[in-house]
Amino acid sequence: MLSSRLGWLVPVALTVVGFGSNVQSAAAQTTYNFDVKYNTLLQFVPRPDLGQDIIRATITGESADANFGLTNFESNTYGKLVEATPTTQKFKFNADPAVFGLKDLPILGDRYFGGSNELFGKADDMATINFANNTVMGGGTINIIGGKGIFENASGAITFTQQDRLDPTAPPGTPVKGEAVLKFSLQTPQKVPEPTATTTLVGMGVIGAGLLVR
């Protein structure tokens, strides 16, 4: 009789332990998809000291009702003139100076903030200045490399389009006002409760209880 009861209890204990192992290996993540429209200021700074047709670009944005408190952003990139006509200039931008063959310069980046939550990323985009109609049209991708708050260890990307209006009467270097629409597609890993020795002890307790009853 004892051996028959043990034969039933041992599989129960192994099942409990096995369940704990499955919990340990489980992985979960949370996905965030949302859009934000920002009012922006764009500034180009020519950097002939870094190379021919090289510029530094900074974009700042504000949105009073941005999701998750991301009411502000600042994007810093290097840029290079890649195409020009009598009325237009097309620039490529990237946070990594090595993309343009620049050495011994820091990698720049994006920061999205405004409260306890933040996101960090690196931009890769294009923009075209049209002097005939006084506009700047751009767009691209920001690859997310981390964050804070609910976006801790976040990954994913932000795609965006931006439109700016040049003021021909403004002094050189004046920031250009515009509007940008950003589409966020993010994932964050979620911690899963890890099994402890308690799980194994429960299984052992089942066997011990059976022996005591016997």
N, C-alpha and C. Protein backbone atom coordinates (compact mmCIF):
# COMPACT_ATOMS: atom_id res chain seq x y z
N MET A 1 0.83 -1.21 0.00
CA MET A 1 0.00 0.00 0.00
C MET A 1 0.86 1.26 0.00
N LEU A 2 1.94 1.24 0.81
CA LEU A 2 2.82 2.41 0.85
C LEU A 2 3.43 2.68 -0.50
N SER A 3 3.92 1.63 -1.17
CA SER A 3 4.56 1.82 -2.46
C SER A 3 3.57 2.34 -3.48
N SER A 4 2.31 1.92 -3.40
CA SER A 4 1.32 2.40 -4.36
C SER A 4 1.02 3.86 -4.16
N ARG A 5 0.97 4.31 -2.90
CA ARG A 5 0.71 5.74 -2.64
C ARG A 5 1.89 6.60 -3.07
N LEU A 6 3.11 6.13 -2.82
CA LEU A 6 4.29 6.87 -3.26
C LEU A 6 4.31 6.97 -4.77
N GLY A 7 3.91 5.92 -5.44
CA GLY A 7 3.89 5.95 -6.90
C GLY A 7 2.96 7.01 -7.43
N TRP A 8 1.91 7.36 -6.66
CA TRP A 8 1.00 8.43 -7.08
C TRP A 8 1.51 9.82 -6.70
N LEU A 9 2.19 9.91 -5.53
CA LEU A 9 2.63 11.21 -5.03
C LEU A 9 3.84 11.75 -5.77
N VAL A 10 4.77 10.89 -6.17
CA VAL A 10 5.99 11.35 -6.84
C VAL A 10 5.68 12.11 -8.12
N PRO A 11 4.81 11.62 -9.01
CA PRO A 11 4.47 12.41 -10.21
C PRO A 11 3.89 13.77 -9.87
N VAL A 12 3.08 13.82 -8.75
CA VAL A 12 2.53 15.12 -8.35
C VAL A 12 3.64 16.09 -8.01
N ALA A 13 4.62 15.62 -7.24
CA ALA A 13 5.73 16.49 -6.85
C ALA A 13 6.51 16.94 -8.07
N LEU A 14 6.76 16.05 -9.00
CA LEU A 14 7.51 16.40 -10.20
C LEU A 14 6.75 17.39 -11.06
N THR A 15 5.41 17.24 -11.06
CA THR A 15 4.59 18.18 -11.83
C THR A 15 4.71 19.58 -11.27
N VAL A 16 4.68 19.70 -9.93
CA VAL A 16 4.81 21.02 -9.30
C VAL A 16 6.16 21.64 -9.60
N VAL A 17 7.23 20.83 -9.48
CA VAL A 17 8.57 21.35 -9.77
C VAL A 17 8.69 21.75 -11.22
N GLY A 18 8.11 20.95 -12.10
CA GLY A 18 8.17 21.27 -13.52
C GLY A 18 7.45 22.55 -13.84
N PHE A 19 6.32 22.78 -13.16
CA PHE A 19 5.60 24.03 -13.36
C PHE A 19 6.44 25.23 -12.98
N GLY A 20 7.19 25.11 -11.87
CA GLY A 20 8.07 26.19 -11.46
C GLY A 20 9.13 26.47 -12.49
N SER A 21 9.66 25.42 -13.11
CA SER A 21 10.68 25.62 -14.15
C SER A 21 10.10 26.35 -15.34
N ASN A 22 8.85 26.04 -15.69
CA ASN A 22 8.22 26.72 -16.81
C ASN A 22 8.02 28.19 -16.51
N VAL A 23 7.67 28.54 -15.28
CA VAL A 23 7.51 29.95 -14.90
C VAL A 23 8.81 30.69 -15.07
N GLN A 24 9.93 30.06 -14.70
CA GLN A 24 11.22 30.72 -14.78
C GLN A 24 11.58 31.04 -16.23
N SER A 25 11.22 30.16 -17.15
CA SER A 25 11.62 30.36 -18.53
C SER A 25 10.63 31.22 -19.31
N ALA A 26 9.48 31.55 -18.69
CA ALA A 26 8.48 32.33 -19.40
C ALA A 26 8.97 33.76 -19.61
N ALA A 27 8.56 34.36 -20.71
CA ALA A 27 8.94 35.74 -21.02
C ALA A 27 7.70 36.50 -21.43
N ALA A 28 7.58 37.76 -21.03
CA ALA A 28 6.42 38.58 -21.38
C ALA A 28 6.90 39.95 -21.79
N GLN A 29 6.10 40.62 -22.60
CA GLN A 29 6.43 41.98 -22.99
C GLN A 29 5.15 42.76 -23.19
N THR A 30 5.28 44.07 -23.05
CA THR A 30 4.15 44.97 -23.27
C THR A 30 4.43 45.79 -24.52
N THR A 31 3.41 45.94 -25.37
CA THR A 31 3.55 46.68 -26.62
C THR A 31 2.80 48.00 -26.52
N TYR A 32 3.42 49.06 -27.01
CA TYR A 32 2.81 50.39 -27.03
C TYR A 32 2.80 50.90 -28.46
N ASN A 33 1.64 51.27 -28.96
CA ASN A 33 1.50 51.88 -30.28
C ASN A 33 0.66 53.14 -30.14
N PHE A 34 1.23 54.29 -30.46
CA PHE A 34 0.49 55.54 -30.35
C PHE A 34 1.14 56.61 -31.21
N ASP A 35 0.38 57.66 -31.52
CA ASP A 35 0.85 58.78 -32.34
C ASP A 35 0.84 60.05 -31.50
N VAL A 36 1.80 60.92 -31.78
CA VAL A 36 1.86 62.23 -31.12
C VAL A 36 2.20 63.29 -32.17
N LYS A 37 1.48 64.40 -32.11
CA LYS A 37 1.78 65.54 -32.98
C LYS A 37 2.50 66.61 -32.14
N TYR A 38 3.68 67.00 -32.59
CA TYR A 38 4.49 67.98 -31.87
C TYR A 38 4.62 69.27 -32.68
N ASN A 39 4.63 70.41 -31.99
CA ASN A 39 5.09 71.66 -32.58
C ASN A 39 6.61 71.69 -32.45
N THR A 40 7.29 72.00 -33.53
CA THR A 40 8.74 71.83 -33.56
C THR A 40 9.49 73.11 -33.90
N LEU A 41 10.75 73.10 -33.51
CA LEU A 41 11.72 74.12 -33.93
C LEU A 41 12.92 73.38 -34.50
N LEU A 42 13.30 73.74 -35.70
CA LEU A 42 14.40 73.10 -36.41
C LEU A 42 15.53 74.09 -36.61
N GLN A 43 16.75 73.64 -36.30
CA GLN A 43 17.90 74.52 -36.48
C GLN A 43 19.04 73.75 -37.16
N PHE A 44 19.53 74.33 -38.26
CA PHE A 44 20.70 73.79 -38.96
C PHE A 44 21.90 74.68 -38.66
N VAL A 45 23.02 74.05 -38.34
CA VAL A 45 24.25 74.80 -38.10
C VAL A 45 25.33 74.25 -39.04
N PRO A 46 25.77 75.03 -40.04
CA PRO A 46 26.83 74.55 -40.93
C PRO A 46 28.11 74.25 -40.15
N ARG A 47 28.78 73.11 -40.48
CA ARG A 47 30.02 72.73 -39.82
C ARG A 47 31.11 72.42 -40.85
N PRO A 48 31.57 73.46 -41.55
CA PRO A 48 32.63 73.23 -42.54
C PRO A 48 33.92 72.71 -41.91
N ASP A 49 34.09 72.92 -40.59
CA ASP A 49 35.28 72.41 -39.91
C ASP A 49 35.28 70.88 -39.85
N LEU A 50 34.09 70.28 -40.01
CA LEU A 50 33.99 68.82 -39.97
C LEU A 50 34.07 68.19 -41.35
N GLY A 51 33.88 68.99 -42.37
CA GLY A 51 33.94 68.47 -43.72
C GLY A 51 33.01 69.23 -44.65
N GLN A 52 33.21 69.03 -45.92
CA GLN A 52 32.41 69.75 -46.91
C GLN A 52 30.94 69.33 -46.83
N ASP A 53 30.06 70.31 -46.79
CA ASP A 53 28.61 70.11 -46.79
C ASP A 53 28.10 69.40 -45.53
N ILE A 54 28.86 69.45 -44.45
CA ILE A 54 28.43 68.84 -43.19
C ILE A 54 27.72 69.89 -42.33
N ILE A 55 26.61 69.49 -41.70
CA ILE A 55 25.88 70.38 -40.79
C ILE A 55 25.55 69.62 -39.51
N ARG A 56 25.16 70.37 -38.50
CA ARG A 56 24.59 69.81 -37.26
C ARG A 56 23.15 70.27 -37.18
N ALA A 57 22.26 69.33 -36.93
CA ALA A 57 20.84 69.66 -36.86
C ALA A 57 20.30 69.34 -35.47
N THR A 58 19.45 70.24 -34.98
CA THR A 58 18.77 70.03 -33.72
C THR A 58 17.28 70.33 -33.92
N ILE A 59 16.45 69.39 -33.49
CA ILE A 59 15.00 69.58 -33.54
C ILE A 59 14.46 69.43 -32.12
N THR A 60 13.67 70.38 -31.69
CA THR A 60 12.97 70.26 -30.42
C THR A 60 11.48 70.27 -30.68
N GLY A 61 10.73 69.57 -29.83
CA GLY A 61 9.29 69.49 -30.02
C GLY A 61 8.53 69.58 -28.71
N GLU A 62 7.29 70.08 -28.80
CA GLU A 62 6.42 70.19 -27.62
C GLU A 62 5.01 69.74 -27.99
N SER A 63 4.39 69.02 -27.06
CA SER A 63 3.00 68.59 -27.23
C SER A 63 2.35 68.53 -25.85
N ALA A 64 1.32 69.32 -25.64
CA ALA A 64 0.71 69.40 -24.32
C ALA A 64 0.00 68.12 -23.91
N ASP A 65 -0.49 67.35 -24.89
CA ASP A 65 -1.28 66.16 -24.57
C ASP A 65 -0.63 64.87 -25.05
N ALA A 66 0.69 64.82 -25.09
CA ALA A 66 1.38 63.62 -25.55
C ALA A 66 1.13 62.45 -24.61
N ASN A 67 1.07 61.26 -25.19
CA ASN A 67 0.84 60.05 -24.41
C ASN A 67 1.98 59.80 -23.42
N PHE A 68 1.62 59.27 -22.25
CA PHE A 68 2.57 58.83 -21.23
C PHE A 68 3.52 59.94 -20.76
N GLY A 69 3.08 61.18 -20.90
CA GLY A 69 3.87 62.30 -20.42
C GLY A 69 5.06 62.67 -21.27
N LEU A 70 5.14 62.16 -22.50
CA LEU A 70 6.27 62.48 -23.40
C LEU A 70 5.99 63.80 -24.11
N THR A 71 5.90 64.86 -23.34
CA THR A 71 5.47 66.16 -23.87
C THR A 71 6.57 66.92 -24.59
N ASN A 72 7.81 66.48 -24.46
CA ASN A 72 8.93 67.18 -25.09
C ASN A 72 9.88 66.18 -25.74
N PHE A 73 10.57 66.64 -26.76
CA PHE A 73 11.67 65.84 -27.29
C PHE A 73 12.77 66.75 -27.82
N GLU A 74 13.97 66.19 -27.87
CA GLU A 74 15.10 66.87 -28.50
C GLU A 74 15.86 65.84 -29.33
N SER A 75 16.07 66.16 -30.59
CA SER A 75 16.76 65.27 -31.51
C SER A 75 18.01 65.96 -32.04
N ASN A 76 19.15 65.29 -31.91
CA ASN A 76 20.42 65.84 -32.39
C ASN A 76 21.05 64.87 -33.38
N THR A 77 21.42 65.40 -34.55
CA THR A 77 22.02 64.57 -35.59
C THR A 77 23.10 65.34 -36.34
N TYR A 78 23.89 64.57 -37.07
CA TYR A 78 24.79 65.14 -38.08
C TYR A 78 24.06 65.07 -39.42
N GLY A 79 24.41 65.97 -40.32
CA GLY A 79 23.79 65.96 -41.64
C GLY A 79 24.78 66.23 -42.74
N LYS A 80 24.41 65.81 -43.94
CA LYS A 80 25.27 66.05 -45.10
C LYS A 80 24.41 66.31 -46.32
N LEU A 81 24.79 67.33 -47.08
CA LEU A 81 24.11 67.64 -48.33
C LEU A 81 24.39 66.52 -49.34
N VAL A 82 23.32 65.91 -49.87
CA VAL A 82 23.51 64.79 -50.79
C VAL A 82 22.99 65.09 -52.18
N GLU A 83 22.20 66.16 -52.32
CA GLU A 83 21.64 66.49 -53.64
C GLU A 83 21.24 67.96 -53.64
N ALA A 84 21.50 68.66 -54.74
CA ALA A 84 21.15 70.07 -54.82
C ALA A 84 20.73 70.45 -56.23
N THR A 85 19.73 71.32 -56.30
CA THR A 85 19.28 71.91 -57.56
C THR A 85 19.26 73.43 -57.34
N PRO A 86 18.96 74.21 -58.34
CA PRO A 86 18.89 75.66 -58.13
C PRO A 86 17.89 76.09 -57.07
N THR A 87 16.89 75.25 -56.78
CA THR A 87 15.86 75.67 -55.82
C THR A 87 15.74 74.74 -54.61
N THR A 88 16.44 73.63 -54.59
CA THR A 88 16.29 72.69 -53.47
C THR A 88 17.64 72.17 -52.97
N GLN A 89 17.64 71.74 -51.73
CA GLN A 89 18.78 71.05 -51.13
C GLN A 89 18.25 69.86 -50.34
N LYS A 90 18.84 68.70 -50.59
CA LYS A 90 18.42 67.48 -49.90
C LYS A 90 19.53 67.02 -48.97
N PHE A 91 19.18 66.76 -47.71
CA PHE A 91 20.15 66.37 -46.71
C PHE A 91 19.82 64.99 -46.14
N LYS A 92 20.86 64.24 -45.84
CA LYS A 92 20.71 63.01 -45.07
C LYS A 92 21.20 63.29 -43.65
N PHE A 93 20.48 62.73 -42.66
CA PHE A 93 20.83 62.95 -41.26
C PHE A 93 20.99 61.60 -40.55
N ASN A 94 21.92 61.58 -39.60
CA ASN A 94 22.11 60.39 -38.79
C ASN A 94 22.80 60.78 -37.49
N ALA A 95 22.45 60.08 -36.42
CA ALA A 95 23.07 60.38 -35.12
C ALA A 95 24.51 59.90 -35.04
N ASP A 96 24.89 58.96 -35.91
CA ASP A 96 26.23 58.37 -35.88
C ASP A 96 27.13 59.09 -36.88
N PRO A 97 28.18 59.79 -36.44
CA PRO A 97 29.05 60.52 -37.36
C PRO A 97 29.79 59.61 -38.34
N ALA A 98 29.96 58.34 -37.96
CA ALA A 98 30.68 57.41 -38.85
C ALA A 98 29.94 57.20 -40.16
N VAL A 99 28.62 57.41 -40.17
CA VAL A 99 27.84 57.28 -41.41
C VAL A 99 28.36 58.23 -42.48
N PHE A 100 28.89 59.37 -42.05
CA PHE A 100 29.41 60.37 -42.98
C PHE A 100 30.93 60.37 -43.04
N GLY A 101 31.54 59.35 -42.49
CA GLY A 101 32.99 59.25 -42.51
C GLY A 101 33.68 60.16 -41.51
N LEU A 102 32.94 60.63 -40.53
CA LEU A 102 33.51 61.52 -39.52
C LEU A 102 34.08 60.70 -38.36
N LYS A 103 35.26 61.05 -37.92
CA LYS A 103 35.92 60.29 -36.86
C LYS A 103 36.09 61.14 -35.60
N ASP A 104 36.26 60.44 -34.49
CA ASP A 104 36.54 61.07 -33.19
C ASP A 104 35.48 62.09 -32.79
N LEU A 105 34.23 61.78 -33.11
CA LEU A 105 33.11 62.63 -32.71
C LEU A 105 32.09 61.78 -31.95
N PRO A 106 31.39 62.36 -31.00
CA PRO A 106 30.42 61.58 -30.22
C PRO A 106 29.20 61.19 -31.05
N ILE A 107 28.63 60.04 -30.73
CA ILE A 107 27.35 59.65 -31.30
C ILE A 107 26.26 60.46 -30.60
N LEU A 108 25.40 61.08 -31.38
CA LEU A 108 24.34 61.90 -30.83
C LEU A 108 23.08 61.06 -30.63
N GLY A 109 21.96 61.70 -30.28
CA GLY A 109 20.76 60.91 -30.06
C GLY A 109 19.53 61.75 -29.81
N ASP A 110 18.43 61.02 -29.57
CA ASP A 110 17.13 61.63 -29.28
C ASP A 110 16.73 61.34 -27.84
N ARG A 111 15.98 62.26 -27.27
CA ARG A 111 15.43 62.07 -25.93
C ARG A 111 13.98 62.56 -25.93
N TYR A 112 13.07 61.71 -25.45
CA TYR A 112 11.66 62.04 -25.34
C TYR A 112 11.30 62.02 -23.86
N PHE A 113 10.76 63.12 -23.35
CA PHE A 113 10.64 63.28 -21.91
C PHE A 113 9.50 64.22 -21.55
N GLY A 114 9.36 64.49 -20.25
CA GLY A 114 8.34 65.41 -19.77
C GLY A 114 7.79 65.04 -18.42
N GLY A 115 8.10 63.83 -17.97
CA GLY A 115 7.63 63.37 -16.67
C GLY A 115 8.51 62.24 -16.19
N SER A 116 7.90 61.24 -15.59
CA SER A 116 8.68 60.12 -15.06
C SER A 116 9.09 59.13 -16.15
N ASN A 117 8.45 59.20 -17.31
CA ASN A 117 8.78 58.29 -18.41
C ASN A 117 9.66 58.99 -19.45
N GLU A 118 10.64 58.26 -19.96
CA GLU A 118 11.53 58.80 -20.98
C GLU A 118 11.87 57.72 -22.00
N LEU A 119 12.26 58.17 -23.19
CA LEU A 119 12.74 57.28 -24.24
C LEU A 119 14.02 57.84 -24.82
N PHE A 120 14.91 56.94 -25.25
CA PHE A 120 16.17 57.34 -25.88
C PHE A 120 16.29 56.63 -27.23
N GLY A 121 16.81 57.34 -28.22
CA GLY A 121 16.93 56.74 -29.53
C GLY A 121 17.98 57.41 -30.40
N LYS A 122 18.13 56.86 -31.61
CA LYS A 122 19.08 57.40 -32.59
C LYS A 122 18.35 57.55 -33.91
N ALA A 123 18.49 58.74 -34.51
CA ALA A 123 17.71 59.07 -35.70
C ALA A 123 18.47 58.75 -36.99
N ASP A 124 17.69 58.42 -38.00
CA ASP A 124 18.17 58.22 -39.37
C ASP A 124 17.09 58.76 -40.29
N ASP A 125 17.34 59.90 -40.95
CA ASP A 125 16.25 60.51 -41.71
C ASP A 125 16.79 61.37 -42.85
N MET A 126 15.85 61.94 -43.59
CA MET A 126 16.17 62.81 -44.73
C MET A 126 15.31 64.07 -44.64
N ALA A 127 15.76 65.15 -45.28
CA ALA A 127 14.96 66.38 -45.35
C ALA A 127 15.32 67.13 -46.62
N THR A 128 14.33 67.76 -47.19
CA THR A 128 14.54 68.56 -48.40
C THR A 128 14.09 69.99 -48.14
N ILE A 129 15.00 70.92 -48.38
CA ILE A 129 14.68 72.35 -48.28
C ILE A 129 14.29 72.85 -49.67
N ASN A 130 13.13 73.44 -49.77
CA ASN A 130 12.67 74.00 -51.04
C ASN A 130 12.60 75.51 -50.90
N PHE A 131 13.54 76.19 -51.55
CA PHE A 131 13.61 77.65 -51.43
C PHE A 131 12.56 78.34 -52.30
N ALA A 132 11.98 77.62 -53.26
CA ALA A 132 10.97 78.22 -54.12
C ALA A 132 9.66 78.42 -53.35
N ASN A 133 9.31 77.44 -52.50
CA ASN A 133 8.07 77.61 -51.72
C ASN A 133 8.32 77.75 -50.22
N ASN A 134 9.60 77.92 -49.85
CA ASN A 134 9.99 78.18 -48.45
C ASN A 134 9.50 77.10 -47.48
N THR A 135 9.78 75.85 -47.83
CA THR A 135 9.38 74.75 -46.96
C THR A 135 10.56 73.81 -46.70
N VAL A 136 10.43 73.08 -45.60
CA VAL A 136 11.33 71.97 -45.31
C VAL A 136 10.46 70.75 -45.06
N MET A 137 10.69 69.70 -45.83
CA MET A 137 9.92 68.47 -45.69
C MET A 137 10.87 67.33 -45.34
N GLY A 138 10.54 66.61 -44.29
CA GLY A 138 11.44 65.54 -43.88
C GLY A 138 10.72 64.37 -43.26
N GLY A 139 11.49 63.33 -42.99
CA GLY A 139 10.93 62.15 -42.36
C GLY A 139 11.99 61.08 -42.21
N GLY A 140 11.68 60.09 -41.38
CA GLY A 140 12.64 59.01 -41.17
C GLY A 140 12.26 58.15 -39.99
N THR A 141 13.27 57.56 -39.38
CA THR A 141 13.07 56.59 -38.30
C THR A 141 14.00 56.89 -37.14
N ILE A 142 13.48 56.74 -35.94
CA ILE A 142 14.31 56.80 -34.72
C ILE A 142 14.29 55.41 -34.10
N ASN A 143 15.44 54.78 -34.02
CA ASN A 143 15.54 53.48 -33.39
C ASN A 143 15.68 53.65 -31.88
N ILE A 144 14.78 53.04 -31.13
CA ILE A 144 14.76 53.20 -29.68
C ILE A 144 15.77 52.27 -29.03
N ILE A 145 16.56 52.81 -28.08
CA ILE A 145 17.63 52.04 -27.45
C ILE A 145 17.49 51.99 -25.92
N GLY A 146 16.33 52.37 -25.41
CA GLY A 146 16.14 52.31 -23.96
C GLY A 146 15.21 53.39 -23.48
N GLY A 147 15.03 53.44 -22.16
CA GLY A 147 14.15 54.43 -21.59
C GLY A 147 14.11 54.36 -20.08
N LYS A 148 13.18 55.12 -19.51
CA LYS A 148 12.98 55.14 -18.07
C LYS A 148 11.49 55.01 -17.76
N GLY A 149 11.17 54.77 -16.49
CA GLY A 149 9.78 54.62 -16.11
C GLY A 149 9.19 53.37 -16.72
N ILE A 150 8.01 53.48 -17.30
CA ILE A 150 7.39 52.31 -17.93
C ILE A 150 8.13 51.88 -19.19
N PHE A 151 9.04 52.72 -19.68
CA PHE A 151 9.80 52.40 -20.89
C PHE A 151 11.22 51.91 -20.59
N GLU A 152 11.45 51.43 -19.38
CA GLU A 152 12.76 50.88 -19.04
C GLU A 152 13.07 49.70 -19.96
N ASN A 153 14.27 49.71 -20.53
CA ASN A 153 14.72 48.66 -21.45
C ASN A 153 13.85 48.56 -22.70
N ALA A 154 13.25 49.67 -23.09
CA ALA A 154 12.38 49.67 -24.28
C ALA A 154 13.18 49.46 -25.56
N SER A 155 12.52 48.87 -26.55
CA SER A 155 13.07 48.75 -27.89
C SER A 155 11.95 49.11 -28.87
N GLY A 156 12.27 49.13 -30.15
CA GLY A 156 11.27 49.48 -31.14
C GLY A 156 11.72 50.65 -31.99
N ALA A 157 10.76 51.38 -32.53
CA ALA A 157 11.10 52.48 -33.44
C ALA A 157 10.01 53.53 -33.44
N ILE A 158 10.41 54.73 -33.83
CA ILE A 158 9.48 55.83 -34.08
C ILE A 158 9.65 56.24 -35.53
N THR A 159 8.59 56.26 -36.29
CA THR A 159 8.64 56.81 -37.65
C THR A 159 7.98 58.18 -37.61
N PHE A 160 8.48 59.10 -38.42
CA PHE A 160 7.93 60.45 -38.34
C PHE A 160 7.96 61.14 -39.70
N THR A 161 7.09 62.12 -39.83
CA THR A 161 7.11 63.07 -40.94
C THR A 161 7.08 64.46 -40.34
N GLN A 162 7.73 65.40 -41.02
CA GLN A 162 7.82 66.75 -40.49
C GLN A 162 7.69 67.76 -41.62
N GLN A 163 6.99 68.86 -41.32
CA GLN A 163 6.85 69.96 -42.27
C GLN A 163 7.20 71.26 -41.54
N ASP A 164 8.06 72.05 -42.17
CA ASP A 164 8.49 73.32 -41.59
C ASP A 164 8.30 74.43 -42.63
N ARG A 165 8.08 75.64 -42.13
CA ARG A 165 7.89 76.79 -43.00
C ARG A 165 9.01 77.78 -42.80
N LEU A 166 9.79 78.03 -43.86
CA LEU A 166 10.90 78.98 -43.80
C LEU A 166 10.38 80.41 -43.81
N ASP A 167 11.07 81.25 -43.07
CA ASP A 167 10.77 82.68 -43.09
C ASP A 167 11.94 83.38 -43.78
N PRO A 168 11.77 83.78 -45.03
CA PRO A 168 12.88 84.39 -45.78
C PRO A 168 13.41 85.68 -45.16
N THR A 169 12.61 86.30 -44.30
CA THR A 169 13.03 87.57 -43.70
C THR A 169 13.78 87.38 -42.38
N ALA A 170 13.81 86.14 -41.88
CA ALA A 170 14.45 85.88 -40.59
C ALA A 170 15.97 85.89 -40.73
N PRO A 171 16.69 86.32 -39.71
CA PRO A 171 18.16 86.31 -39.77
C PRO A 171 18.68 84.87 -39.91
N PRO A 172 19.84 84.70 -40.54
CA PRO A 172 20.43 83.36 -40.65
C PRO A 172 20.60 82.69 -39.28
N GLY A 173 20.30 81.41 -39.21
CA GLY A 173 20.43 80.67 -37.96
C GLY A 173 19.20 80.67 -37.09
N THR A 174 18.16 81.43 -37.50
CA THR A 174 16.92 81.44 -36.73
C THR A 174 16.23 80.08 -36.83
N PRO A 175 15.80 79.50 -35.71
CA PRO A 175 15.09 78.21 -35.77
C PRO A 175 13.83 78.32 -36.61
N VAL A 176 13.54 77.23 -37.33
CA VAL A 176 12.39 77.19 -38.23
C VAL A 176 11.24 76.47 -37.54
N LYS A 177 10.07 77.10 -37.53
CA LYS A 177 8.90 76.50 -36.90
C LYS A 177 8.26 75.48 -37.82
N GLY A 178 7.71 74.42 -37.20
CA GLY A 178 7.05 73.40 -37.99
C GLY A 178 6.19 72.50 -37.15
N GLU A 179 5.85 71.38 -37.74
CA GLU A 179 4.99 70.39 -37.08
C GLU A 179 5.45 69.00 -37.48
N ALA A 180 5.49 68.09 -36.52
CA ALA A 180 5.91 66.72 -36.78
C ALA A 180 4.90 65.75 -36.21
N VAL A 181 4.65 64.68 -36.93
CA VAL A 181 3.79 63.60 -36.46
C VAL A 181 4.66 62.37 -36.25
N LEU A 182 4.69 61.89 -35.02
CA LEU A 182 5.52 60.74 -34.66
C LEU A 182 4.64 59.55 -34.35
N LYS A 183 4.99 58.41 -34.93
CA LYS A 183 4.27 57.16 -34.70
C LYS A 183 5.17 56.23 -33.90
N PHE A 184 4.79 55.98 -32.66
CA PHE A 184 5.59 55.16 -31.74
C PHE A 184 5.15 53.70 -31.84
N SER A 185 6.12 52.80 -31.96
CA SER A 185 5.87 51.36 -31.92
C SER A 185 6.94 50.75 -31.01
N LEU A 186 6.55 50.47 -29.76
CA LEU A 186 7.53 50.13 -28.72
C LEU A 186 7.19 48.81 -28.05
N GLN A 187 8.23 48.18 -27.52
CA GLN A 187 8.07 46.98 -26.71
C GLN A 187 8.94 47.11 -25.47
N THR A 188 8.40 46.67 -24.35
CA THR A 188 9.18 46.66 -23.12
C THR A 188 9.06 45.28 -22.48
N PRO A 189 10.17 44.70 -22.03
CA PRO A 189 10.10 43.41 -21.34
C PRO A 189 9.50 43.57 -19.97
N GLN A 190 8.73 42.57 -19.55
CA GLN A 190 8.12 42.59 -18.23
C GLN A 190 8.70 41.47 -17.38
N LYS A 191 9.04 41.78 -16.14
CA LYS A 191 9.60 40.78 -15.26
C LYS A 191 8.52 39.79 -14.84
N VAL A 192 8.88 38.51 -14.86
CA VAL A 192 7.98 37.45 -14.47
C VAL A 192 8.44 36.91 -13.12
N PRO A 193 7.52 36.63 -12.18
CA PRO A 193 7.94 36.09 -10.88
C PRO A 193 8.81 34.85 -11.05
N GLU A 194 9.96 34.86 -10.39
CA GLU A 194 10.87 33.73 -10.48
C GLU A 194 10.53 32.71 -9.40
N PRO A 195 10.62 31.41 -9.74
CA PRO A 195 10.35 30.38 -8.73
C PRO A 195 11.43 30.38 -7.67
N THR A 196 11.04 30.01 -6.47
CA THR A 196 11.99 29.90 -5.38
C THR A 196 12.02 28.46 -4.89
N ALA A 197 12.79 28.24 -3.82
CA ALA A 197 12.86 26.90 -3.25
C ALA A 197 11.52 26.46 -2.71
N THR A 198 10.59 27.42 -2.48
CA THR A 198 9.27 27.09 -1.94
C THR A 198 8.54 26.11 -2.85
N THR A 199 8.67 26.33 -4.17
CA THR A 199 7.97 25.47 -5.12
C THR A 199 8.39 24.03 -4.96
N THR A 200 9.70 23.81 -4.85
CA THR A 200 10.21 22.46 -4.69
C THR A 200 9.79 21.89 -3.34
N LEU A 201 9.80 22.73 -2.30
CA LEU A 201 9.43 22.26 -0.97
C LEU A 201 7.97 21.84 -0.91
N VAL A 202 7.12 22.50 -1.69
CA VAL A 202 5.71 22.11 -1.72
C VAL A 202 5.58 20.67 -2.20
N GLY A 203 6.34 20.35 -3.27
CA GLY A 203 6.30 18.99 -3.79
C GLY A 203 6.81 17.99 -2.77
N MET A 204 7.90 18.36 -2.08
CA MET A 204 8.43 17.46 -1.06
C MET A 204 7.45 17.31 0.09
N GLY A 205 6.74 18.41 0.40
CA GLY A 205 5.76 18.36 1.48
C GLY A 205 4.63 17.41 1.18
N VAL A 206 4.24 17.35 -0.10
CA VAL A 206 3.18 16.43 -0.49
C VAL A 206 3.59 15.00 -0.18
N ILE A 207 4.85 14.67 -0.53
CA ILE A 207 5.33 13.32 -0.26
C ILE A 207 5.40 13.06 1.24
N GLY A 208 5.91 14.06 2.00
CA GLY A 208 6.03 13.89 3.45
C GLY A 208 4.67 13.69 4.11
N ALA A 209 3.67 14.47 3.64
CA ALA A 209 2.34 14.35 4.21
C ALA A 209 1.78 12.97 3.96
N GLY A 210 2.04 12.43 2.77
CA GLY A 210 1.54 11.10 2.45
C GLY A 210 2.15 10.04 3.36
N LEU A 211 3.44 10.20 3.65
CA LEU A 211 4.10 9.23 4.53
C LEU A 211 3.55 9.30 5.94
N LEU A 212 3.28 10.54 6.41
CA LEU A 212 2.72 10.68 7.75
C LEU A 212 1.34 10.08 7.85
N VAL A 213 0.54 10.24 6.87
CA VAL A 213 -0.80 9.65 6.87
C VAL A 213 -0.72 8.14 6.92
N ARG A 214 0.26 7.60 6.16
CA ARG A 214 0.43 6.15 6.16
C ARG A 214 0.85 5.63 7.52
